[in-house]
């Protein structure tokens, strides 16, 4: 006995192709953002390097050279921190988009599986309702586990974002105050 019609197969294939295209477009958009960021950063670094070299060459003595180097280092570190933050934002954005797509696909697959089980239960022989109930229970348990893992992963992402923001702010404040930047060494 067949439960899947050609129309259902065609609709499922169409949905899968659309999901793949959405993922591909998301990936290409992110790659484009990263490429633009990298090109702009390279251009800025080259321009800054030329300007900084000219500035350093104009130093009249060692004390002025050291002072100029210190003044040049601060904006450079701020730009590097900003670059790192931008890269992180782009990668976090693509991760969020991919998660949304995968969650949508998972929801649709669960809905289709549930509908197929209901349809199978209606035409199943007497006494098989226990087996169908067991399968539905297993699916519900798997979905619950997936939801728990998904929530935990989102909490980790939020915590990581908060830590990155705090570290970035601390670095910028340290650079602006002239204090040395403290880093924790792995034990």
C-alpha atoms as a PDB file:
ATOM      1  CA  UNK A   1       0.000   0.000   0.000  1.00  0.00           C
ATOM      2  CA  UNK A   2       1.392   3.421  -1.003  1.00  0.00           C
ATOM      3  CA  UNK A   3       1.059   6.472   1.244  1.00  0.00           C
ATOM      4  CA  UNK A   4       3.046   8.963  -0.811  1.00  0.00           C
ATOM      5  CA  UNK A   5       1.563  10.455  -3.948  1.00  0.00           C
ATOM      6  CA  UNK A   6       3.626  11.858  -6.807  1.00  0.00           C
ATOM      7  CA  UNK A   7       2.342  15.318  -5.862  1.00  0.00           C
ATOM      8  CA  UNK A   8       3.679  14.903  -2.327  1.00  0.00           C
ATOM      9  CA  UNK A   9       7.069  13.772  -3.626  1.00  0.00           C
ATOM     10  CA  UNK A  10       7.168  16.682  -6.054  1.00  0.00           C
ATOM     11  CA  UNK A  11       6.245  19.177  -3.315  1.00  0.00           C
ATOM     12  CA  UNK A  12       8.895  17.729  -0.977  1.00  0.00           C
ATOM     13  CA  UNK A  13      11.545  17.903  -3.700  1.00  0.00           C
ATOM     14  CA  UNK A  14      10.564  21.497  -4.501  1.00  0.00           C
ATOM     15  CA  UNK A  15      10.794  22.452  -0.812  1.00  0.00           C
ATOM     16  CA  UNK A  16      14.219  20.791  -0.534  1.00  0.00           C
ATOM     17  CA  UNK A  17      15.515  22.616  -3.623  1.00  0.00           C
ATOM     18  CA  UNK A  18      14.211  25.919  -2.251  1.00  0.00           C
ATOM     19  CA  UNK A  19      15.944  25.265   1.082  1.00  0.00           C
ATOM     20  CA  UNK A  20      19.221  24.461  -0.670  1.00  0.00           C
ATOM     21  CA  UNK A  21      18.949  27.621  -2.768  1.00  0.00           C
ATOM     22  CA  UNK A  22      18.223  29.684   0.347  1.00  0.00           C
ATOM     23  CA  UNK A  23      21.275  28.200   2.066  1.00  0.00           C
ATOM     24  CA  UNK A  24      23.423  28.860  -1.027  1.00  0.00           C
ATOM     25  CA  UNK A  25      22.210  32.466  -1.277  1.00  0.00           C
ATOM     26  CA  UNK A  26      22.882  32.985   2.431  1.00  0.00           C
ATOM     27  CA  UNK A  27      26.390  31.575   2.050  1.00  0.00           C
ATOM     28  CA  UNK A  28      27.155  33.725  -1.000  1.00  0.00           C
ATOM     29  CA  UNK A  29      25.831  36.867   0.712  1.00  0.00           C
ATOM     30  CA  UNK A  30      28.047  36.167   3.724  1.00  0.00           C
ATOM     31  CA  UNK A  31      31.070  35.483   1.533  1.00  0.00           C
ATOM     32  CA  UNK A  32      30.384  38.743  -0.284  1.00  0.00           C
ATOM     33  CA  UNK A  33      30.198  40.632   3.037  1.00  0.00           C
ATOM     34  CA  UNK A  34      33.472  39.052   4.208  1.00  0.00           C
ATOM     35  CA  UNK A  35      35.202  39.805   0.899  1.00  0.00           C
ATOM     36  CA  UNK A  36      34.035  43.427   1.007  1.00  0.00           C
ATOM     37  CA  UNK A  37      35.159  43.753   4.620  1.00  0.00           C
ATOM     38  CA  UNK A  38      38.560  42.236   3.811  1.00  0.00           C
ATOM     39  CA  UNK A  39      39.104  44.456   0.760  1.00  0.00           C
ATOM     40  CA  UNK A  40      38.091  47.591   2.662  1.00  0.00           C
ATOM     41  CA  UNK A  41      40.312  46.595   5.572  1.00  0.00           C
ATOM     42  CA  UNK A  42      43.272  45.910   3.271  1.00  0.00           C
ATOM     43  CA  UNK A  43      42.794  49.265   1.551  1.00  0.00           C
ATOM     44  CA  UNK A  44      42.581  51.080   4.887  1.00  0.00           C
ATOM     45  CA  UNK A  45      45.647  49.273   6.260  1.00  0.00           C
ATOM     46  CA  UNK A  46      47.665  50.165   3.156  1.00  0.00           C
ATOM     47  CA  UNK A  47      46.619  53.828   3.329  1.00  0.00           C
ATOM     48  CA  UNK A  48      47.330  53.952   7.058  1.00  0.00           C
ATOM     49  CA  UNK A  49      50.718  52.273   6.595  1.00  0.00           C
ATOM     50  CA  UNK A  50      51.765  54.859   4.037  1.00  0.00           C
ATOM     51  CA  UNK A  51      50.555  57.733   6.215  1.00  0.00           C
ATOM     52  CA  UNK A  52      52.165  56.249   9.333  1.00  0.00           C
ATOM     53  CA  UNK A  53      55.487  55.718   7.560  1.00  0.00           C
ATOM     54  CA  UNK A  54      55.500  59.332   6.383  1.00  0.00           C
ATOM     55  CA  UNK A  55      54.677  60.472   9.907  1.00  0.00           C
ATOM     56  CA  UNK A  56      57.434  58.358  11.465  1.00  0.00           C
ATOM     57  CA  UNK A  57      59.958  59.549   8.888  1.00  0.00           C
ATOM     58  CA  UNK A  58      59.256  63.115   9.981  1.00  0.00           C
ATOM     59  CA  UNK A  59      60.361  62.440  13.560  1.00  0.00           C
ATOM     60  CA  UNK A  60      63.239  64.660  14.622  1.00  0.00           C
ATOM     61  CA  UNK A  61      64.518  62.598  17.543  1.00  0.00           C
ATOM     62  CA  UNK A  62      64.041  59.247  19.313  1.00  0.00           C
ATOM     63  CA  UNK A  63      61.615  60.643  21.877  1.00  0.00           C
ATOM     64  CA  UNK A  64      59.348  62.027  19.150  1.00  0.00           C
ATOM     65  CA  UNK A  65      59.601  58.708  17.272  1.00  0.00           C
ATOM     66  CA  UNK A  66      58.457  56.767  20.349  1.00  0.00           C
ATOM     67  CA  UNK A  67      55.640  59.247  20.945  1.00  0.00           C
ATOM     68  CA  UNK A  68      54.491  58.958  17.326  1.00  0.00           C
ATOM     69  CA  UNK A  69      54.610  55.164  17.461  1.00  0.00           C
ATOM     70  CA  UNK A  70      52.418  55.168  20.556  1.00  0.00           C
ATOM     71  CA  UNK A  71      49.954  57.557  18.922  1.00  0.00           C
ATOM     72  CA  UNK A  72      49.835  55.411  15.780  1.00  0.00           C
ATOM     73  CA  UNK A  73      49.345  52.139  17.681  1.00  0.00           C
ATOM     74  CA  UNK A  74      46.081  53.161  19.351  1.00  0.00           C
ATOM     75  CA  UNK A  75      43.985  53.681  16.178  1.00  0.00           C
ATOM     76  CA  UNK A  76      45.510  50.580  14.628  1.00  0.00           C
ATOM     77  CA  UNK A  77      44.460  48.399  17.568  1.00  0.00           C
ATOM     78  CA  UNK A  78      40.982  49.946  17.516  1.00  0.00           C
ATOM     79  CA  UNK A  79      40.679  49.144  13.797  1.00  0.00           C
ATOM     80  CA  UNK A  80      41.799  45.545  14.391  1.00  0.00           C
ATOM     81  CA  UNK A  81      39.254  45.153  17.183  1.00  0.00           C
ATOM     82  CA  UNK A  82      36.569  46.611  14.935  1.00  0.00           C
ATOM     83  CA  UNK A  83      37.575  44.219  12.142  1.00  0.00           C
ATOM     84  CA  UNK A  84      37.358  41.236  14.494  1.00  0.00           C
ATOM     85  CA  UNK A  85      33.945  42.380  15.702  1.00  0.00           C
ATOM     86  CA  UNK A  86      32.724  42.731  12.104  1.00  0.00           C
ATOM     87  CA  UNK A  87      33.933  39.244  11.173  1.00  0.00           C
ATOM     88  CA  UNK A  88      32.227  37.832  14.248  1.00  0.00           C
ATOM     89  CA  UNK A  89      28.960  39.632  13.416  1.00  0.00           C
ATOM     90  CA  UNK A  90      28.972  38.280   9.854  1.00  0.00           C
ATOM     91  CA  UNK A  91      29.659  34.708  10.972  1.00  0.00           C
ATOM     92  CA  UNK A  92      27.059  34.935  13.754  1.00  0.00           C
ATOM     93  CA  UNK A  93      24.550  36.237  11.221  1.00  0.00           C
ATOM     94  CA  UNK A  94      25.087  33.312   8.842  1.00  0.00           C
ATOM     95  CA  UNK A  95      24.888  30.863  11.753  1.00  0.00           C
ATOM     96  CA  UNK A  96      21.553  32.369  12.775  1.00  0.00           C
ATOM     97  CA  UNK A  97      20.180  32.206   9.238  1.00  0.00           C
ATOM     98  CA  UNK A  98      21.269  28.589   8.777  1.00  0.00           C
ATOM     99  CA  UNK A  99      19.733  27.676  12.145  1.00  0.00           C
ATOM    100  CA  UNK A 100      16.403  29.231  11.118  1.00  0.00           C
ATOM    101  CA  UNK A 101      16.397  27.293   7.852  1.00  0.00           C
ATOM    102  CA  UNK A 102      17.285  24.014   9.546  1.00  0.00           C
ATOM    103  CA  UNK A 103      14.682  24.527  12.278  1.00  0.00           C
ATOM    104  CA  UNK A 104      12.061  25.193   9.610  1.00  0.00           C
ATOM    105  CA  UNK A 105      13.069  22.041   7.743  1.00  0.00           C
ATOM    106  CA  UNK A 106      12.975  20.020  10.965  1.00  0.00           C
ATOM    107  CA  UNK A 107       9.499  21.323  11.761  1.00  0.00           C
ATOM    108  CA  UNK A 108       8.236  20.485   8.299  1.00  0.00           C
ATOM    109  CA  UNK A 109       9.768  16.999   8.426  1.00  0.00           C
ATOM    110  CA  UNK A 110       8.164  16.375  11.827  1.00  0.00           C
ATOM    111  CA  UNK A 111       4.797  17.542  10.535  1.00  0.00           C
ATOM    112  CA  UNK A 112       5.060  15.273   7.484  1.00  0.00           C
ATOM    113  CA  UNK A 113       6.162  12.306   9.586  1.00  0.00           C
ATOM    114  CA  UNK A 114       3.302  12.833  12.007  1.00  0.00           C
ATOM    115  CA  UNK A 115       0.805  13.034   9.143  1.00  0.00           C
ATOM    116  CA  UNK A 116       2.241   9.860   7.604  1.00  0.00           C
ATOM    117  CA  UNK A 117       2.006   8.048  10.954  1.00  0.00           C
ATOM    118  CA  UNK A 118      -1.601   9.154  11.399  1.00  0.00           C
ATOM    119  CA  UNK A 119      -2.428   7.956   7.899  1.00  0.00           C
ATOM    120  CA  UNK A 120      -0.645   4.639   8.506  1.00  0.00           C
ATOM    121  CA  UNK A 121      -2.454   4.185  11.840  1.00  0.00           C
ATOM    122  CA  UNK A 122      -5.835   4.529  10.144  1.00  0.00           C
ATOM    123  CA  UNK A 123      -5.103   1.696   7.737  1.00  0.00           C
ATOM    124  CA  UNK A 124      -3.033  -0.448  10.115  1.00  0.00           C
ATOM    125  CA  UNK A 125      -4.349  -3.740  11.433  1.00  0.00           C
ATOM    126  CA  UNK A 126      -6.046  -3.876  14.794  1.00  0.00           C
ATOM    127  CA  UNK A 127      -3.674  -3.839  17.762  1.00  0.00           C
ATOM    128  CA  UNK A 128      -0.967  -1.839  15.987  1.00  0.00           C
ATOM    129  CA  UNK A 129      -2.035   1.354  17.716  1.00  0.00           C
ATOM    130  CA  UNK A 130       0.447   0.555  20.510  1.00  0.00           C
ATOM    131  CA  UNK A 131       3.333   0.469  18.022  1.00  0.00           C
ATOM    132  CA  UNK A 132       2.198   3.728  16.404  1.00  0.00           C
ATOM    133  CA  UNK A 133       1.910   5.347  19.839  1.00  0.00           C
ATOM    134  CA  UNK A 134       5.434   4.137  20.689  1.00  0.00           C
ATOM    135  CA  UNK A 135       6.834   5.644  17.478  1.00  0.00           C
ATOM    136  CA  UNK A 136       5.024   8.938  18.160  1.00  0.00           C
ATOM    137  CA  UNK A 137       6.385   8.935  21.704  1.00  0.00           C
ATOM    138  CA  UNK A 138       9.916   8.346  20.428  1.00  0.00           C
ATOM    139  CA  UNK A 139       9.530  11.203  17.937  1.00  0.00           C
ATOM    140  CA  UNK A 140       8.224  13.492  20.679  1.00  0.00           C
ATOM    141  CA  UNK A 141      11.193  12.575  22.887  1.00  0.00           C
ATOM    142  CA  UNK A 142      13.631  13.240  20.032  1.00  0.00           C
ATOM    143  CA  UNK A 143      11.991  16.601  19.338  1.00  0.00           C
ATOM    144  CA  UNK A 144      12.184  17.504  23.016  1.00  0.00           C
ATOM    145  CA  UNK A 145      15.875  16.598  23.111  1.00  0.00           C
ATOM    146  CA  UNK A 146      16.485  18.630  19.952  1.00  0.00           C
ATOM    147  CA  UNK A 147      14.661  21.635  21.444  1.00  0.00           C
ATOM    148  CA  UNK A 148      16.722  21.368  24.634  1.00  0.00           C
ATOM    149  CA  UNK A 149      19.984  21.191  22.683  1.00  0.00           C
ATOM    150  CA  UNK A 150      18.888  24.075  20.480  1.00  0.00           C
ATOM    151  CA  UNK A 151      18.082  26.238  23.517  1.00  0.00           C
ATOM    152  CA  UNK A 152      21.415  25.339  25.111  1.00  0.00           C
ATOM    153  CA  UNK A 153      23.263  26.210  21.901  1.00  0.00           C
ATOM    154  CA  UNK A 154      21.477  29.563  21.730  1.00  0.00           C
ATOM    155  CA  UNK A 155      22.482  30.280  25.332  1.00  0.00           C
ATOM    156  CA  UNK A 156      26.094  29.466  24.503  1.00  0.00           C
ATOM    157  CA  UNK A 157      25.953  31.812  21.506  1.00  0.00           C
ATOM    158  CA  UNK A 158      24.457  34.589  23.641  1.00  0.00           C
ATOM    159  CA  UNK A 159      27.110  34.072  26.323  1.00  0.00           C
ATOM    160  CA  UNK A 160      29.861  34.080  23.705  1.00  0.00           C
ATOM    161  CA  UNK A 161      28.504  37.286  22.175  1.00  0.00           C
ATOM    162  CA  UNK A 162      28.419  38.926  25.606  1.00  0.00           C
ATOM    163  CA  UNK A 163      32.013  37.802  26.301  1.00  0.00           C
ATOM    164  CA  UNK A 164      33.226  39.057  22.912  1.00  0.00           C
ATOM    165  CA  UNK A 165      31.536  42.410  23.498  1.00  0.00           C
ATOM    166  CA  UNK A 166      33.038  42.675  26.995  1.00  0.00           C
ATOM    167  CA  UNK A 167      36.519  41.738  25.769  1.00  0.00           C
ATOM    168  CA  UNK A 168      36.272  44.214  22.906  1.00  0.00           C
ATOM    169  CA  UNK A 169      35.148  47.005  25.210  1.00  0.00           C
ATOM    170  CA  UNK A 170      37.930  46.200  27.687  1.00  0.00           C
ATOM    171  CA  UNK A 171      40.533  46.235  24.915  1.00  0.00           C
ATOM    172  CA  UNK A 172      39.325  49.550  23.525  1.00  0.00           C
ATOM    173  CA  UNK A 173      39.226  51.087  27.029  1.00  0.00           C
ATOM    174  CA  UNK A 174      42.721  49.810  27.772  1.00  0.00           C
ATOM    175  CA  UNK A 175      44.047  51.207  24.506  1.00  0.00           C
ATOM    176  CA  UNK A 176      42.330  54.540  25.072  1.00  0.00           C
ATOM    177  CA  UNK A 177      43.667  54.811  28.620  1.00  0.00           C
ATOM    178  CA  UNK A 178      47.165  53.755  27.637  1.00  0.00           C
ATOM    179  CA  UNK A 179      47.061  50.834  30.084  1.00  0.00           C
ATOM    180  CA  UNK A 180      48.630  47.541  29.081  1.00  0.00           C
ATOM    181  CA  UNK A 181      46.213  44.974  27.707  1.00  0.00           C
ATOM    182  CA  UNK A 182      45.989  41.968  30.008  1.00  0.00           C
ATOM    183  CA  UNK A 183      45.420  38.550  28.523  1.00  0.00           C
ATOM    184  CA  UNK A 184      44.833  35.266  30.252  1.00  0.00           C
ATOM    185  CA  UNK A 185      47.270  32.554  29.282  1.00  0.00           C
ATOM    186  CA  UNK A 186      45.990  29.028  28.836  1.00  0.00           C
ATOM    187  CA  UNK A 187      47.174  26.832  31.657  1.00  0.00           C
END
